[in-house]
């Protein structure tokens, strides 16, 4: 896969919603369903990367180990998955 960044993400079951967190970028989102949370996270990470590239900011800024639900085996974890972000060259003047 060319021009694709792959990140680790997790979905957590909260009381009334699902939360999705990208471990590698510390970006989170939520949704009524796990699938909605996942889709919202993909959009949020995509927008973050676009903004980071435009503003010469770092893309990778991991969740601190102490806050990483995967490392702590958080019982709210519904799934851990790979999040693939397709990088496209966008030019404009």
Protein backbone atom coordinates (compact mmCIF):
# COMPACT_ATOMS: atom_id res chain seq x y z
CA UNK A 1 0.00 0.00 0.00
CA UNK A 2 1.60 3.21 -1.14
CA UNK A 3 0.87 6.52 0.56
CA UNK A 4 -1.00 4.89 3.43
CA UNK A 5 -0.37 5.46 7.12
CA UNK A 6 -1.47 2.67 9.46
CA UNK A 7 -2.34 3.40 13.07
CA UNK A 8 -3.63 1.36 15.99
CA UNK A 9 -7.10 2.27 17.22
CA UNK A 10 -9.46 1.00 19.86
CA UNK A 11 -13.20 1.15 20.47
CA UNK A 12 -14.44 1.39 24.04
CA UNK A 13 -17.97 0.83 25.30
CA UNK A 14 -19.01 3.78 27.45
CA UNK A 15 -22.33 4.03 29.32
CA UNK A 16 -24.50 5.17 26.40
CA UNK A 17 -22.05 5.61 23.52
CA UNK A 18 -18.95 4.08 22.00
CA UNK A 19 -15.64 5.92 22.06
CA UNK A 20 -12.95 5.40 19.46
CA UNK A 21 -9.34 6.36 20.08
CA UNK A 22 -6.36 6.38 17.74
CA UNK A 23 -3.47 5.36 19.99
CA UNK A 24 -0.80 6.81 17.69
CA UNK A 25 -2.28 10.29 17.26
CA UNK A 26 -4.23 10.73 20.51
CA UNK A 27 -7.34 11.61 18.49
CA UNK A 28 -10.71 10.44 19.79
CA UNK A 29 -14.29 10.43 18.62
CA UNK A 30 -17.53 8.77 19.59
CA UNK A 31 -20.78 7.47 18.21
CA UNK A 32 -24.03 5.77 19.11
CA UNK A 33 -22.72 2.51 17.61
CA UNK A 34 -19.22 1.07 17.43
CA UNK A 35 -19.28 1.45 13.63
CA UNK A 36 -20.31 5.10 13.87
CA UNK A 37 -17.52 5.77 16.39
CA UNK A 38 -15.03 4.08 14.05
CA UNK A 39 -16.18 6.12 11.04
CA UNK A 40 -16.09 9.35 13.05
CA UNK A 41 -12.57 8.52 14.21
CA UNK A 42 -11.39 7.92 10.65
CA UNK A 43 -12.75 11.33 9.63
CA UNK A 44 -11.20 13.04 12.67
CA UNK A 45 -7.77 11.47 12.08
CA UNK A 46 -7.93 12.36 8.40
CA UNK A 47 -8.71 16.00 9.21
CA UNK A 48 -5.99 16.10 11.86
CA UNK A 49 -3.36 14.75 9.46
CA UNK A 50 -4.40 17.19 6.75
CA UNK A 51 -4.12 20.09 9.20
CA UNK A 52 -0.81 18.83 10.64
CA UNK A 53 0.73 18.57 7.18
CA UNK A 54 -0.50 22.04 6.18
CA UNK A 55 0.91 23.56 9.37
CA UNK A 56 4.15 21.57 9.57
CA UNK A 57 3.11 19.85 12.82
CA UNK A 58 3.95 16.30 13.91
CA UNK A 59 1.54 13.59 12.84
CA UNK A 60 2.58 11.04 15.45
CA UNK A 61 1.81 12.04 19.04
CA UNK A 62 0.94 8.85 20.91
CA UNK A 63 -1.39 8.49 23.84
CA UNK A 64 0.69 8.45 27.05
CA UNK A 65 1.30 4.88 28.19
CA UNK A 66 -0.56 5.56 31.44
CA UNK A 67 -3.71 6.49 29.43
CA UNK A 68 -3.45 3.74 26.81
CA UNK A 69 -6.45 1.40 27.24
CA UNK A 70 -4.73 -1.36 25.27
CA UNK A 71 -1.73 -1.44 27.60
CA UNK A 72 -3.96 -1.46 30.68
CA UNK A 73 -6.30 -4.16 29.28
CA UNK A 74 -9.27 -1.86 29.88
CA UNK A 75 -12.40 -4.01 30.29
CA UNK A 76 -14.42 -1.52 28.18
CA UNK A 77 -12.49 -2.49 25.02
CA UNK A 78 -14.81 -3.71 22.28
CA UNK A 79 -12.17 -4.02 19.58
CA UNK A 80 -8.64 -3.08 18.64
CA UNK A 81 -8.06 -2.50 14.93
CA UNK A 82 -5.74 -0.97 12.37
CA UNK A 83 -6.80 2.40 11.03
CA UNK A 84 -5.56 3.05 7.49
CA UNK A 85 -5.34 6.65 6.28
CA UNK A 86 -4.80 7.14 2.58
CA UNK A 87 -2.51 10.08 1.95
CA UNK A 88 -3.29 11.88 -1.25
CA UNK A 89 -1.28 14.69 -2.70
CA UNK A 90 -3.44 17.78 -2.66
CA UNK A 91 -2.18 20.86 -4.45
CA UNK A 92 -3.75 24.26 -4.55
CA UNK A 93 -2.76 27.92 -4.83
